Amino acid sequence: MPIAVDNPKCKVLVADDEHVICDTLALILGANGFEAMRAYSGEAAVESARAERPDVVVVDVILSGMSGMEAARQIRALYPGCRTILISGTIASNEMLNEARALGGNLEFLTKPFAPDVLLSKLRD
């Protein structure tokens, strides 16, 4: 079920080990009415999800340490209704994206770089 942008309780967890990308997306989401949280690793994303119970997770597929896919898998196990948007900017991650698709469920994908409006539109759908 899509989450409306005007829902003041909509929590979005952004996980990316590229701090500039993570921080920028969180700032943009915050400026557009979302409660945005940041995590710079897969492990931190899972910890943050446990503490904050996000409605949506935007996670880079390739993270140092625990992969973004594994973090997404663990978060979805904790909160099956959590919407998951996987992001990727490398060709090498195509195999991982295919693996993620094989998992089924409500996984969505965005390829970096993407305009912030693309993510906002996806969240509003």
PDB file of N, CA and C in Angstrom:
ATOM      1  N   MET A   1       0.844  -1.180   0.000  1.00  0.00           N
ATOM      2  CA  MET A   1       0.000   0.000   0.000  1.00  0.00           C
ATOM      3  C   MET A   1       0.884   1.236   0.000  1.00  0.00           C
ATOM      4  N   PRO A   2       0.707   2.117  -0.947  1.00  0.00           N
ATOM      5  CA  PRO A   2       1.528   3.326  -1.000  1.00  0.00           C
ATOM      6  C   PRO A   2       1.284   4.224   0.212  1.00  0.00           C
ATOM      7  N   ILE A   3       2.286   4.959   0.570  1.00  0.00           N
ATOM      8  CA  ILE A   3       2.204   5.868   1.696  1.00  0.00           C
ATOM      9  C   ILE A   3       2.128   7.279   1.143  1.00  0.00           C
ATOM     10  N   ALA A   4       1.130   8.019   1.548  1.00  0.00           N
ATOM     11  CA  ALA A   4       0.940   9.376   1.047  1.00  0.00           C
ATOM     12  C   ALA A   4       2.005  10.299   1.613  1.00  0.00           C
ATOM     13  N   VAL A   5       2.468  11.214   0.777  1.00  0.00           N
ATOM     14  CA  VAL A   5       3.504  12.154   1.194  1.00  0.00           C
ATOM     15  C   VAL A   5       2.998  13.061   2.307  1.00  0.00           C
ATOM     16  N   ASP A   6       1.691  13.289   2.384  1.00  0.00           N
ATOM     17  CA  ASP A   6       1.185  14.175   3.416  1.00  0.00           C
ATOM     18  C   ASP A   6       0.969  13.464   4.749  1.00  0.00           C
ATOM     19  N   ASN A   7       1.310  12.194   4.824  1.00  0.00           N
ATOM     20  CA  ASN A   7       1.224  11.448   6.063  1.00  0.00           C
ATOM     21  C   ASN A   7       2.400  11.849   6.954  1.00  0.00           C
ATOM     22  N   PRO A   8       2.138  12.598   8.040  1.00  0.00           N
ATOM     23  CA  PRO A   8       3.238  13.095   8.862  1.00  0.00           C
ATOM     24  C   PRO A   8       3.998  11.985   9.582  1.00  0.00           C
ATOM     25  N   LYS A   9       3.440  10.797   9.612  1.00  0.00           N
ATOM     26  CA  LYS A   9       4.102   9.699  10.296  1.00  0.00           C
ATOM     27  C   LYS A   9       4.908   8.820   9.346  1.00  0.00           C
ATOM     28  N   CYS A  10       4.958   9.172   8.087  1.00  0.00           N
ATOM     29  CA  CYS A  10       5.676   8.352   7.124  1.00  0.00           C
ATOM     30  C   CYS A  10       7.172   8.434   7.390  1.00  0.00           C
ATOM     31  N   LYS A  11       7.754   7.304   7.782  1.00  0.00           N
ATOM     32  CA  LYS A  11       9.180   7.241   8.097  1.00  0.00           C
ATOM     33  C   LYS A  11       9.916   6.533   6.963  1.00  0.00           C
ATOM     34  N   VAL A  12      10.955   7.180   6.480  1.00  0.00           N
ATOM     35  CA  VAL A  12      11.767   6.605   5.411  1.00  0.00           C
ATOM     36  C   VAL A  12      13.197   6.462   5.914  1.00  0.00           C
ATOM     37  N   LEU A  13      13.698   5.253   5.862  1.00  0.00           N
ATOM     38  CA  LEU A  13      15.087   4.976   6.224  1.00  0.00           C
ATOM     39  C   LEU A  13      15.904   4.910   4.940  1.00  0.00           C
ATOM     40  N   VAL A  14      16.920   5.765   4.837  1.00  0.00           N
ATOM     41  CA  VAL A  14      17.821   5.768   3.688  1.00  0.00           C
ATOM     42  C   VAL A  14      19.129   5.131   4.135  1.00  0.00           C
ATOM     43  N   ALA A  15      19.575   4.105   3.419  1.00  0.00           N
ATOM     44  CA  ALA A  15      20.824   3.431   3.753  1.00  0.00           C
ATOM     45  C   ALA A  15      21.748   3.440   2.536  1.00  0.00           C
ATOM     46  N   ASP A  16      22.850   4.115   2.683  1.00  0.00           N
ATOM     47  CA  ASP A  16      23.864   4.177   1.620  1.00  0.00           C
ATOM     48  C   ASP A  16      25.191   4.484   2.279  1.00  0.00           C
ATOM     49  N   ASP A  17      26.234   3.755   1.901  1.00  0.00           N
ATOM     50  CA  ASP A  17      27.546   4.003   2.524  1.00  0.00           C
ATOM     51  C   ASP A  17      28.253   5.204   1.913  1.00  0.00           C
ATOM     52  N   GLU A  18      27.683   5.778   0.865  1.00  0.00           N
ATOM     53  CA  GLU A  18      28.176   7.049   0.346  1.00  0.00           C
ATOM     54  C   GLU A  18      27.430   8.136   1.114  1.00  0.00           C
ATOM     55  N   HIS A  19      28.110   8.705   2.101  1.00  0.00           N
ATOM     56  CA  HIS A  19      27.470   9.640   3.026  1.00  0.00           C
ATOM     57  C   HIS A  19      26.788  10.804   2.313  1.00  0.00           C
ATOM     58  N   VAL A  20      27.405  11.328   1.276  1.00  0.00           N
ATOM     59  CA  VAL A  20      26.817  12.473   0.565  1.00  0.00           C
ATOM     60  C   VAL A  20      25.472  12.086  -0.042  1.00  0.00           C
ATOM     61  N   ILE A  21      25.391  10.928  -0.635  1.00  0.00           N
ATOM     62  CA  ILE A  21      24.136  10.479  -1.235  1.00  0.00           C
ATOM     63  C   ILE A  21      23.086  10.263  -0.149  1.00  0.00           C
ATOM     64  N   CYS A  22      23.461   9.566   0.900  1.00  0.00           N
ATOM     65  CA  CYS A  22      22.539   9.278   1.997  1.00  0.00           C
ATOM     66  C   CYS A  22      22.031  10.570   2.633  1.00  0.00           C
ATOM     67  N   ASP A  23      22.948  11.464   2.948  1.00  0.00           N
ATOM     68  CA  ASP A  23      22.572  12.723   3.589  1.00  0.00           C
ATOM     69  C   ASP A  23      21.697  13.576   2.683  1.00  0.00           C
ATOM     70  N   THR A  24      22.048  13.632   1.398  1.00  0.00           N
ATOM     71  CA  THR A  24      21.280  14.436   0.451  1.00  0.00           C
ATOM     72  C   THR A  24      19.864  13.902   0.297  1.00  0.00           C
ATOM     73  N   LEU A  25      19.720  12.582   0.136  1.00  0.00           N
ATOM     74  CA  LEU A  25      18.381  12.006   0.005  1.00  0.00           C
ATOM     75  C   LEU A  25      17.558  12.251   1.271  1.00  0.00           C
ATOM     76  N   ALA A  26      18.179  12.089   2.432  1.00  0.00           N
ATOM     77  CA  ALA A  26      17.463  12.316   3.692  1.00  0.00           C
ATOM     78  C   ALA A  26      17.009  13.767   3.812  1.00  0.00           C
ATOM     79  N   LEU A  27      17.874  14.701   3.418  1.00  0.00           N
ATOM     80  CA  LEU A  27      17.498  16.121   3.466  1.00  0.00           C
ATOM     81  C   LEU A  27      16.339  16.423   2.516  1.00  0.00           C
ATOM     82  N   ILE A  28      16.401  15.874   1.317  1.00  0.00           N
ATOM     83  CA  ILE A  28      15.335  16.090   0.333  1.00  0.00           C
ATOM     84  C   ILE A  28      14.020  15.496   0.831  1.00  0.00           C
ATOM     85  N   LEU A  29      14.086  14.292   1.375  1.00  0.00           N
ATOM     86  CA  LEU A  29      12.872  13.663   1.895  1.00  0.00           C
ATOM     87  C   LEU A  29      12.291  14.474   3.050  1.00  0.00           C
ATOM     88  N   GLY A  30      13.168  14.919   3.950  1.00  0.00           N
ATOM     89  CA  GLY A  30      12.710  15.734   5.076  1.00  0.00           C
ATOM     90  C   GLY A  30      12.044  17.021   4.619  1.00  0.00           C
ATOM     91  N   ALA A  31      12.614  17.644   3.594  1.00  0.00           N
ATOM     92  CA  ALA A  31      12.057  18.893   3.072  1.00  0.00           C
ATOM     93  C   ALA A  31      10.725  18.674   2.355  1.00  0.00           C
ATOM     94  N   ASN A  32      10.415  17.423   2.045  1.00  0.00           N
ATOM     95  CA  ASN A  32       9.178  17.105   1.340  1.00  0.00           C
ATOM     96  C   ASN A  32       8.167  16.367   2.217  1.00  0.00           C
ATOM     97  N   GLY A  33       8.302  16.521   3.515  1.00  0.00           N
ATOM     98  CA  GLY A  33       7.284  16.023   4.420  1.00  0.00           C
ATOM     99  C   GLY A  33       7.477  14.648   5.000  1.00  0.00           C
ATOM    100  N   PHE A  34       8.589  14.006   4.705  1.00  0.00           N
ATOM    101  CA  PHE A  34       8.856  12.686   5.259  1.00  0.00           C
ATOM    102  C   PHE A  34       9.712  12.804   6.511  1.00  0.00           C
ATOM    103  N   GLU A  35       9.599  11.844   7.392  1.00  0.00           N
ATOM    104  CA  GLU A  35      10.529  11.728   8.511  1.00  0.00           C
ATOM    105  C   GLU A  35      11.658  10.834   8.018  1.00  0.00           C
ATOM    106  N   ALA A  36      12.807  11.417   7.731  1.00  0.00           N
ATOM    107  CA  ALA A  36      13.908  10.676   7.116  1.00  0.00           C
ATOM    108  C   ALA A  36      14.962  10.306   8.151  1.00  0.00           C
ATOM    109  N   MET A  37      15.412   9.062   8.077  1.00  0.00           N
ATOM    110  CA  MET A  37      16.480   8.550   8.925  1.00  0.00           C
ATOM    111  C   MET A  37      17.620   8.106   8.025  1.00  0.00           C
ATOM    112  N   ARG A  38      18.817   8.059   8.574  1.00  0.00           N
ATOM    113  CA  ARG A  38      20.003   7.704   7.787  1.00  0.00           C
ATOM    114  C   ARG A  38      20.728   6.522   8.410  1.00  0.00           C
ATOM    115  N   ALA A  39      21.289   5.706   7.531  1.00  0.00           N
ATOM    116  CA  ALA A  39      22.170   4.621   7.957  1.00  0.00           C
ATOM    117  C   ALA A  39      23.262   4.506   6.906  1.00  0.00           C
ATOM    118  N   TYR A  40      24.497   4.337   7.367  1.00  0.00           N
ATOM    119  CA  TYR A  40      25.632   4.302   6.443  1.00  0.00           C
ATOM    120  C   TYR A  40      26.185   2.896   6.226  1.00  0.00           C
ATOM    121  N   SER A  41      25.486   1.893   6.725  1.00  0.00           N
ATOM    122  CA  SER A  41      25.892   0.497   6.516  1.00  0.00           C
ATOM    123  C   SER A  41      24.649  -0.377   6.623  1.00  0.00           C
ATOM    124  N   GLY A  42      24.778  -1.597   6.158  1.00  0.00           N
ATOM    125  CA  GLY A  42      23.666  -2.542   6.273  1.00  0.00           C
ATOM    126  C   GLY A  42      23.332  -2.843   7.714  1.00  0.00           C
ATOM    127  N   GLU A  43      24.371  -3.022   8.525  1.00  0.00           N
ATOM    128  CA  GLU A  43      24.161  -3.311   9.947  1.00  0.00           C
ATOM    129  C   GLU A  43      23.420  -2.157  10.629  1.00  0.00           C
ATOM    130  N   ALA A  44      23.843  -0.928  10.321  1.00  0.00           N
ATOM    131  CA  ALA A  44      23.198   0.255  10.909  1.00  0.00           C
ATOM    132  C   ALA A  44      21.750   0.371  10.429  1.00  0.00           C
ATOM    133  N   ALA A  45      21.485  -0.019   9.200  1.00  0.00           N
ATOM    134  CA  ALA A  45      20.124   0.030   8.673  1.00  0.00           C
ATOM    135  C   ALA A  45      19.211  -0.916   9.457  1.00  0.00           C
ATOM    136  N   VAL A  46      19.680  -2.113   9.720  1.00  0.00           N
ATOM    137  CA  VAL A  46      18.878  -3.082  10.470  1.00  0.00           C
ATOM    138  C   VAL A  46      18.651  -2.579  11.895  1.00  0.00           C
ATOM    139  N   GLU A  47      19.702  -2.059  12.527  1.00  0.00           N
ATOM    140  CA  GLU A  47      19.570  -1.514  13.889  1.00  0.00           C
ATOM    141  C   GLU A  47      18.572  -0.357  13.911  1.00  0.00           C
ATOM    142  N   SER A  48      18.691   0.552  12.955  1.00  0.00           N
ATOM    143  CA  SER A  48      17.792   1.698  12.886  1.00  0.00           C
ATOM    144  C   SER A  48      16.355   1.242  12.648  1.00  0.00           C
ATOM    145  N   ALA A  49      16.183   0.263  11.786  1.00  0.00           N
ATOM    146  CA  ALA A  49      14.838  -0.252  11.502  1.00  0.00           C
ATOM    147  C   ALA A  49      14.219  -0.857  12.761  1.00  0.00           C
ATOM    148  N   ARG A  50      15.011  -1.579  13.524  1.00  0.00           N
ATOM    149  CA  ARG A  50      14.501  -2.151  14.781  1.00  0.00           C
ATOM    150  C   ARG A  50      14.019  -1.056  15.722  1.00  0.00           C
ATOM    151  N   ALA A  51      14.779   0.025  15.796  1.00  0.00           N
ATOM    152  CA  ALA A  51      14.466   1.106  16.734  1.00  0.00           C
ATOM    153  C   ALA A  51      13.336   2.015  16.232  1.00  0.00           C
ATOM    154  N   GLU A  52      13.306   2.265  14.923  1.00  0.00           N
ATOM    155  CA  GLU A  52      12.411   3.295  14.379  1.00  0.00           C
ATOM    156  C   GLU A  52      11.197   2.774  13.625  1.00  0.00           C
ATOM    157  N   ARG A  53      11.203   1.516  13.226  1.00  0.00           N
ATOM    158  CA  ARG A  53      10.096   0.914  12.473  1.00  0.00           C
ATOM    159  C   ARG A  53       9.689   1.750  11.257  1.00  0.00           C
ATOM    160  N   PRO A  54      10.553   1.834  10.255  1.00  0.00           N
ATOM    161  CA  PRO A  54      10.238   2.667   9.083  1.00  0.00           C
ATOM    162  C   PRO A  54       9.094   2.095   8.253  1.00  0.00           C
ATOM    163  N   ASP A  55       8.425   2.990   7.543  1.00  0.00           N
ATOM    164  CA  ASP A  55       7.393   2.581   6.595  1.00  0.00           C
ATOM    165  C   ASP A  55       8.013   2.181   5.260  1.00  0.00           C
ATOM    166  N   VAL A  56       9.136   2.846   4.929  1.00  0.00           N
ATOM    167  CA  VAL A  56       9.834   2.625   3.662  1.00  0.00           C
ATOM    168  C   VAL A  56      11.329   2.574   3.938  1.00  0.00           C
ATOM    169  N   VAL A  57      12.020   1.662   3.255  1.00  0.00           N
ATOM    170  CA  VAL A  57      13.479   1.599   3.308  1.00  0.00           C
ATOM    171  C   VAL A  57      13.992   1.811   1.894  1.00  0.00           C
ATOM    172  N   VAL A  58      14.893   2.774   1.744  1.00  0.00           N
ATOM    173  CA  VAL A  58      15.584   3.023   0.479  1.00  0.00           C
ATOM    174  C   VAL A  58      17.025   2.613   0.738  1.00  0.00           C
ATOM    175  N   VAL A  59      17.455   1.528   0.120  1.00  0.00           N
ATOM    176  CA  VAL A  59      18.760   0.959   0.469  1.00  0.00           C
ATOM    177  C   VAL A  59      19.592   0.658  -0.774  1.00  0.00           C
ATOM    178  N   ASP A  60      20.858   1.072  -0.717  1.00  0.00           N
ATOM    179  CA  ASP A  60      21.800   0.760  -1.788  1.00  0.00           C
ATOM    180  C   ASP A  60      22.078  -0.738  -1.748  1.00  0.00           C
ATOM    181  N   VAL A  61      22.086  -1.369  -2.902  1.00  0.00           N
ATOM    182  CA  VAL A  61      22.305  -2.809  -2.990  1.00  0.00           C
ATOM    183  C   VAL A  61      23.686  -3.189  -2.474  1.00  0.00           C
ATOM    184  N   ILE A  62      24.682  -2.391  -2.825  1.00  0.00           N
ATOM    185  CA  ILE A  62      26.057  -2.709  -2.440  1.00  0.00           C
ATOM    186  C   ILE A  62      26.496  -1.769  -1.326  1.00  0.00           C
ATOM    187  N   LEU A  63      26.670  -2.326  -0.147  1.00  0.00           N
ATOM    188  CA  LEU A  63      27.164  -1.591   1.012  1.00  0.00           C
ATOM    189  C   LEU A  63      28.387  -2.315   1.549  1.00  0.00           C
ATOM    190  N   SER A  64      29.246  -1.587   2.238  1.00  0.00           N
ATOM    191  CA  SER A  64      30.364  -2.260   2.884  1.00  0.00           C
ATOM    192  C   SER A  64      29.819  -3.050   4.063  1.00  0.00           C
ATOM    193  N   GLY A  65      30.446  -4.165   4.372  1.00  0.00           N
ATOM    194  CA  GLY A  65      29.931  -5.039   5.432  1.00  0.00           C
ATOM    195  C   GLY A  65      28.728  -5.789   4.906  1.00  0.00           C
ATOM    196  N   MET A  66      27.643  -5.764   5.663  1.00  0.00           N
ATOM    197  CA  MET A  66      26.410  -6.425   5.244  1.00  0.00           C
ATOM    198  C   MET A  66      25.863  -5.746   3.989  1.00  0.00           C
ATOM    199  N   SER A  67      25.529  -6.538   2.991  1.00  0.00           N
ATOM    200  CA  SER A  67      25.012  -5.962   1.749  1.00  0.00           C
ATOM    201  C   SER A  67      23.651  -5.313   1.987  1.00  0.00           C
ATOM    202  N   GLY A  68      23.300  -4.416   1.112  1.00  0.00           N
ATOM    203  CA  GLY A  68      21.999  -3.783   1.190  1.00  0.00           C
ATOM    204  C   GLY A  68      20.874  -4.777   0.994  1.00  0.00           C
ATOM    205  N   MET A  69      21.111  -5.783   0.172  1.00  0.00           N
ATOM    206  CA  MET A  69      20.091  -6.808  -0.034  1.00  0.00           C
ATOM    207  C   MET A  69      19.856  -7.602   1.237  1.00  0.00           C
ATOM    208  N   GLU A  70      20.929  -7.942   1.936  1.00  0.00           N
ATOM    209  CA  GLU A  70      20.772  -8.682   3.186  1.00  0.00           C
ATOM    210  C   GLU A  70      20.080  -7.817   4.231  1.00  0.00           C
ATOM    211  N   ALA A  71      20.436  -6.541   4.288  1.00  0.00           N
ATOM    212  CA  ALA A  71      19.774  -5.628   5.222  1.00  0.00           C
ATOM    213  C   ALA A  71      18.283  -5.552   4.898  1.00  0.00           C
ATOM    214  N   ALA A  72      17.956  -5.413   3.617  1.00  0.00           N
ATOM    215  CA  ALA A  72      16.550  -5.352   3.206  1.00  0.00           C
ATOM    216  C   ALA A  72      15.826  -6.635   3.584  1.00  0.00           C
ATOM    217  N   ARG A  73      16.480  -7.765   3.384  1.00  0.00           N
ATOM    218  CA  ARG A  73      15.886  -9.061   3.719  1.00  0.00           C
ATOM    219  C   ARG A  73      15.575  -9.128   5.225  1.00  0.00           C
ATOM    220  N   GLN A  74      16.540  -8.699   6.050  1.00  0.00           N
ATOM    221  CA  GLN A  74      16.339  -8.746   7.494  1.00  0.00           C
ATOM    222  C   GLN A  74      15.245  -7.773   7.945  1.00  0.00           C
ATOM    223  N   ILE A  75      15.224  -6.592   7.352  1.00  0.00           N
ATOM    224  CA  ILE A  75      14.200  -5.603   7.714  1.00  0.00           C
ATOM    225  C   ILE A  75      12.819  -6.099   7.303  1.00  0.00           C
ATOM    226  N   ARG A  76      12.733  -6.702   6.141  1.00  0.00           N
ATOM    227  CA  ARG A  76      11.446  -7.241   5.687  1.00  0.00           C
ATOM    228  C   ARG A  76      10.986  -8.384   6.562  1.00  0.00           C
ATOM    229  N   ALA A  77      11.929  -9.147   7.108  1.00  0.00           N
ATOM    230  CA  ALA A  77      11.561 -10.229   8.032  1.00  0.00           C
ATOM    231  C   ALA A  77      10.995  -9.648   9.330  1.00  0.00           C
ATOM    232  N   LEU A  78      11.566  -8.524   9.774  1.00  0.00           N
ATOM    233  CA  LEU A  78      11.077  -7.865  10.987  1.00  0.00           C
ATOM    234  C   LEU A  78       9.724  -7.199  10.753  1.00  0.00           C
ATOM    235  N   TYR A  79       9.595  -6.534   9.606  1.00  0.00           N
ATOM    236  CA  TYR A  79       8.409  -5.744   9.285  1.00  0.00           C
ATOM    237  C   TYR A  79       7.962  -6.047   7.856  1.00  0.00           C
ATOM    238  N   PRO A  80       7.204  -7.111   7.672  1.00  0.00           N
ATOM    239  CA  PRO A  80       6.806  -7.525   6.322  1.00  0.00           C
ATOM    240  C   PRO A  80       6.091  -6.446   5.518  1.00  0.00           C
ATOM    241  N   GLY A  81       5.435  -5.504   6.162  1.00  0.00           N
ATOM    242  CA  GLY A  81       4.728  -4.450   5.448  1.00  0.00           C
ATOM    243  C   GLY A  81       5.604  -3.288   5.036  1.00  0.00           C
ATOM    244  N   CYS A  82       6.879  -3.325   5.412  1.00  0.00           N
ATOM    245  CA  CYS A  82       7.796  -2.230   5.085  1.00  0.00           C
ATOM    246  C   CYS A  82       8.085  -2.238   3.578  1.00  0.00           C
ATOM    247  N   ARG A  83       7.838  -1.135   2.951  1.00  0.00           N
ATOM    248  CA  ARG A  83       8.106  -0.995   1.521  1.00  0.00           C
ATOM    249  C   ARG A  83       9.616  -0.896   1.319  1.00  0.00           C
ATOM    250  N   THR A  84      10.138  -1.571   0.303  1.00  0.00           N
ATOM    251  CA  THR A  84      11.579  -1.616   0.073  1.00  0.00           C
ATOM    252  C   THR A  84      11.909  -1.131  -1.323  1.00  0.00           C
ATOM    253  N   ILE A  85      12.771  -0.105  -1.394  1.00  0.00           N
ATOM    254  CA  ILE A  85      13.249   0.405  -2.669  1.00  0.00           C
ATOM    255  C   ILE A  85      14.755   0.196  -2.694  1.00  0.00           C
ATOM    256  N   LEU A  86      15.209  -0.676  -3.583  1.00  0.00           N
ATOM    257  CA  LEU A  86      16.633  -0.937  -3.742  1.00  0.00           C
ATOM    258  C   LEU A  86      17.197   0.030  -4.770  1.00  0.00           C
ATOM    259  N   ILE A  87      18.359   0.602  -4.465  1.00  0.00           N
ATOM    260  CA  ILE A  87      19.018   1.501  -5.409  1.00  0.00           C
ATOM    261  C   ILE A  87      20.389   0.937  -5.743  1.00  0.00           C
ATOM    262  N   SER A  88      20.836   1.189  -6.955  1.00  0.00           N
ATOM    263  CA  SER A  88      22.131   0.676  -7.383  1.00  0.00           C
ATOM    264  C   SER A  88      22.716   1.568  -8.466  1.00  0.00           C
ATOM    265  N   GLY A  89      24.010   1.729  -8.413  1.00  0.00           N
ATOM    266  CA  GLY A  89      24.684   2.545  -9.411  1.00  0.00           C
ATOM    267  C   GLY A  89      25.770   1.809 -10.153  1.00  0.00           C
ATOM    268  N   THR A  90      25.897   0.507  -9.916  1.00  0.00           N
ATOM    269  CA  THR A  90      26.971  -0.233 -10.573  1.00  0.00           C
ATOM    270  C   THR A  90      26.414  -1.376 -11.405  1.00  0.00           C
ATOM    271  N   ILE A  91      27.051  -1.597 -12.504  1.00  0.00           N
ATOM    272  CA  ILE A  91      26.657  -2.707 -13.376  1.00  0.00           C
ATOM    273  C   ILE A  91      26.884  -4.041 -12.678  1.00  0.00           C
ATOM    274  N   ALA A  92      27.895  -4.111 -11.835  1.00  0.00           N
ATOM    275  CA  ALA A  92      28.221  -5.353 -11.141  1.00  0.00           C
ATOM    276  C   ALA A  92      27.085  -5.815 -10.237  1.00  0.00           C
ATOM    277  N   SER A  93      26.189  -4.938  -9.877  1.00  0.00           N
ATOM    278  CA  SER A  93      25.118  -5.321  -8.960  1.00  0.00           C
ATOM    279  C   SER A  93      23.913  -5.923  -9.682  1.00  0.00           C
ATOM    280  N   ASN A  94      23.948  -6.019 -11.007  1.00  0.00           N
ATOM    281  CA  ASN A  94      22.822  -6.597 -11.743  1.00  0.00           C
ATOM    282  C   ASN A  94      22.512  -8.016 -11.277  1.00  0.00           C
ATOM    283  N   GLU A  95      23.541  -8.800 -11.006  1.00  0.00           N
ATOM    284  CA  GLU A  95      23.339 -10.147 -10.501  1.00  0.00           C
ATOM    285  C   GLU A  95      22.589 -10.108  -9.174  1.00  0.00           C
ATOM    286  N   MET A  96      22.977  -9.183  -8.323  1.00  0.00           N
ATOM    287  CA  MET A  96      22.316  -9.054  -7.030  1.00  0.00           C
ATOM    288  C   MET A  96      20.865  -8.620  -7.202  1.00  0.00           C
ATOM    289  N   LEU A  97      20.599  -7.735  -8.152  1.00  0.00           N
ATOM    290  CA  LEU A  97      19.224  -7.302  -8.396  1.00  0.00           C
ATOM    291  C   LEU A  97      18.375  -8.459  -8.897  1.00  0.00           C
ATOM    292  N   ASN A  98      18.943  -9.298  -9.748  1.00  0.00           N
ATOM    293  CA  ASN A  98      18.217 -10.477 -10.215  1.00  0.00           C
ATOM    294  C   ASN A  98      17.921 -11.412  -9.050  1.00  0.00           C
ATOM    295  N   GLU A  99      18.886 -11.563  -8.148  1.00  0.00           N
ATOM    296  CA  GLU A  99      18.679 -12.373  -6.952  1.00  0.00           C
ATOM    297  C   GLU A  99      17.552 -11.782  -6.096  1.00  0.00           C
ATOM    298  N   ALA A 100      17.540 -10.465  -5.970  1.00  0.00           N
ATOM    299  CA  ALA A 100      16.495  -9.797  -5.184  1.00  0.00           C
ATOM    300  C   ALA A 100      15.127 -10.025  -5.808  1.00  0.00           C
ATOM    301  N   ARG A 101      15.047  -9.930  -7.123  1.00  0.00           N
ATOM    302  CA  ARG A 101      13.766 -10.159  -7.805  1.00  0.00           C
ATOM    303  C   ARG A 101      13.274 -11.583  -7.544  1.00  0.00           C
ATOM    304  N   ALA A 102      14.206 -12.522  -7.484  1.00  0.00           N
ATOM    305  CA  ALA A 102      13.840 -13.913  -7.248  1.00  0.00           C
ATOM    306  C   ALA A 102      13.247 -14.107  -5.850  1.00  0.00           C
ATOM    307  N   LEU A 103      13.558 -13.210  -4.929  1.00  0.00           N
ATOM    308  CA  LEU A 103      13.002 -13.299  -3.583  1.00  0.00           C
ATOM    309  C   LEU A 103      11.514 -12.995  -3.564  1.00  0.00           C
ATOM    310  N   GLY A 104      11.056 -12.290  -4.586  1.00  0.00           N
ATOM    311  CA  GLY A 104       9.643 -11.933  -4.657  1.00  0.00           C
ATOM    312  C   GLY A 104       9.311 -10.803  -3.704  1.00  0.00           C
ATOM    313  N   GLY A 105       8.041 -10.562  -3.536  1.00  0.00           N
ATOM    314  CA  GLY A 105       7.609  -9.518  -2.620  1.00  0.00           C
ATOM    315  C   GLY A 105       7.550  -8.163  -3.289  1.00  0.00           C
ATOM    316  N   ASN A 106       7.417  -7.150  -2.469  1.00  0.00           N
ATOM    317  CA  ASN A 106       7.232  -5.790  -2.932  1.00  0.00           C
ATOM    318  C   ASN A 106       8.545  -5.034  -3.050  1.00  0.00           C
ATOM    319  N   LEU A 107       9.459  -5.550  -3.802  1.00  0.00           N
ATOM    320  CA  LEU A 107      10.723  -4.851  -4.012  1.00  0.00           C
ATOM    321  C   LEU A 107      10.599  -3.929  -5.211  1.00  0.00           C
ATOM    322  N   GLU A 108      11.154  -2.742  -5.059  1.00  0.00           N
ATOM    323  CA  GLU A 108      11.180  -1.778  -6.149  1.00  0.00           C
ATOM    324  C   GLU A 108      12.639  -1.409  -6.393  1.00  0.00           C
ATOM    325  N   PHE A 109      12.942  -0.917  -7.589  1.00  0.00           N
ATOM    326  CA  PHE A 109      14.316  -0.631  -7.965  1.00  0.00           C
ATOM    327  C   PHE A 109      14.458   0.754  -8.574  1.00  0.00           C
ATOM    328  N   LEU A 110      15.552   1.409  -8.264  1.00  0.00           N
ATOM    329  CA  LEU A 110      15.950   2.657  -8.909  1.00  0.00           C
ATOM    330  C   LEU A 110      17.425   2.555  -9.246  1.00  0.00           C
ATOM    331  N   THR A 111      17.792   3.039 -10.414  1.00  0.00           N
ATOM    332  CA  THR A 111      19.184   3.036 -10.833  1.00  0.00           C
ATOM    333  C   THR A 111      19.783   4.416 -10.609  1.00  0.00           C
ATOM    334  N   LYS A 112      20.916   4.456  -9.901  1.00  0.00           N
ATOM    335  CA  LYS A 112      21.638   5.717  -9.688  1.00  0.00           C
ATOM    336  C   LYS A 112      22.403   6.066 -10.952  1.00  0.00           C
ATOM    337  N   PRO A 113      22.531   7.299 -11.259  1.00  0.00           N
ATOM    338  CA  PRO A 113      21.937   8.442 -10.567  1.00  0.00           C
ATOM    339  C   PRO A 113      20.482   8.610 -10.988  1.00  0.00           C
ATOM    340  N   PHE A 114      19.680   9.092 -10.068  1.00  0.00           N
ATOM    341  CA  PHE A 114      18.287   9.400 -10.377  1.00  0.00           C
ATOM    342  C   PHE A 114      17.968  10.778  -9.797  1.00  0.00           C
ATOM    343  N   ALA A 115      17.041  11.454 -10.436  1.00  0.00           N
ATOM    344  CA  ALA A 115      16.616  12.767  -9.950  1.00  0.00           C
ATOM    345  C   ALA A 115      15.786  12.556  -8.678  1.00  0.00           C
ATOM    346  N   PRO A 116      15.925  13.427  -7.712  1.00  0.00           N
ATOM    347  CA  PRO A 116      15.132  13.294  -6.482  1.00  0.00           C
ATOM    348  C   PRO A 116      13.632  13.190  -6.748  1.00  0.00           C
ATOM    349  N   ASP A 117      13.157  13.874  -7.783  1.00  0.00           N
ATOM    350  CA  ASP A 117      11.735  13.815  -8.123  1.00  0.00           C
ATOM    351  C   ASP A 117      11.284  12.394  -8.448  1.00  0.00           C
ATOM    352  N   VAL A 118      12.192  11.584  -8.976  1.00  0.00           N
ATOM    353  CA  VAL A 118      11.850  10.202  -9.317  1.00  0.00           C
ATOM    354  C   VAL A 118      11.535   9.424  -8.027  1.00  0.00           C
ATOM    355  N   LEU A 119      12.381   9.595  -7.021  1.00  0.00           N
ATOM    356  CA  LEU A 119      12.129   8.924  -5.737  1.00  0.00           C
ATOM    357  C   LEU A 119      10.857   9.475  -5.093  1.00  0.00           C
ATOM    358  N   LEU A 120      10.695  10.787  -5.086  1.00  0.00           N
ATOM    359  CA  LEU A 120       9.501  11.376  -4.481  1.00  0.00           C
ATOM    360  C   LEU A 120       8.238  10.885  -5.178  1.00  0.00           C
ATOM    361  N   SER A 121       8.290  10.802  -6.487  1.00  0.00           N
ATOM    362  CA  SER A 121       7.140  10.309  -7.256  1.00  0.00           C
ATOM    363  C   SER A 121       6.833   8.859  -6.883  1.00  0.00           C
ATOM    364  N   LYS A 122       7.868   8.058  -6.773  1.00  0.00           N
ATOM    365  CA  LYS A 122       7.700   6.657  -6.410  1.00  0.00           C
ATOM    366  C   LYS A 122       7.069   6.530  -5.024  1.00  0.00           C
ATOM    367  N   LEU A 123       7.495   7.381  -4.097  1.00  0.00           N
ATOM    368  CA  LEU A 123       6.948   7.349  -2.745  1.00  0.00           C
ATOM    369  C   LEU A 123       5.495   7.817  -2.700  1.00  0.00           C
ATOM    370  N   ARG A 124       5.131   8.689  -3.613  1.00  0.00           N
ATOM    371  CA  ARG A 124       3.761   9.207  -3.646  1.00  0.00           C
ATOM    372  C   ARG A 124       2.810   8.263  -4.354  1.00  0.00           C
ATOM    373  N   ASP A 125       3.329   7.351  -5.167  1.00  0.00           N
ATOM    374  CA  ASP A 125       2.472   6.396  -5.912  1.00  0.00           C
ATOM    375  C   ASP A 125       1.747   5.456  -4.973  1.00  0.00           C
TER     376      ASP A 125
END
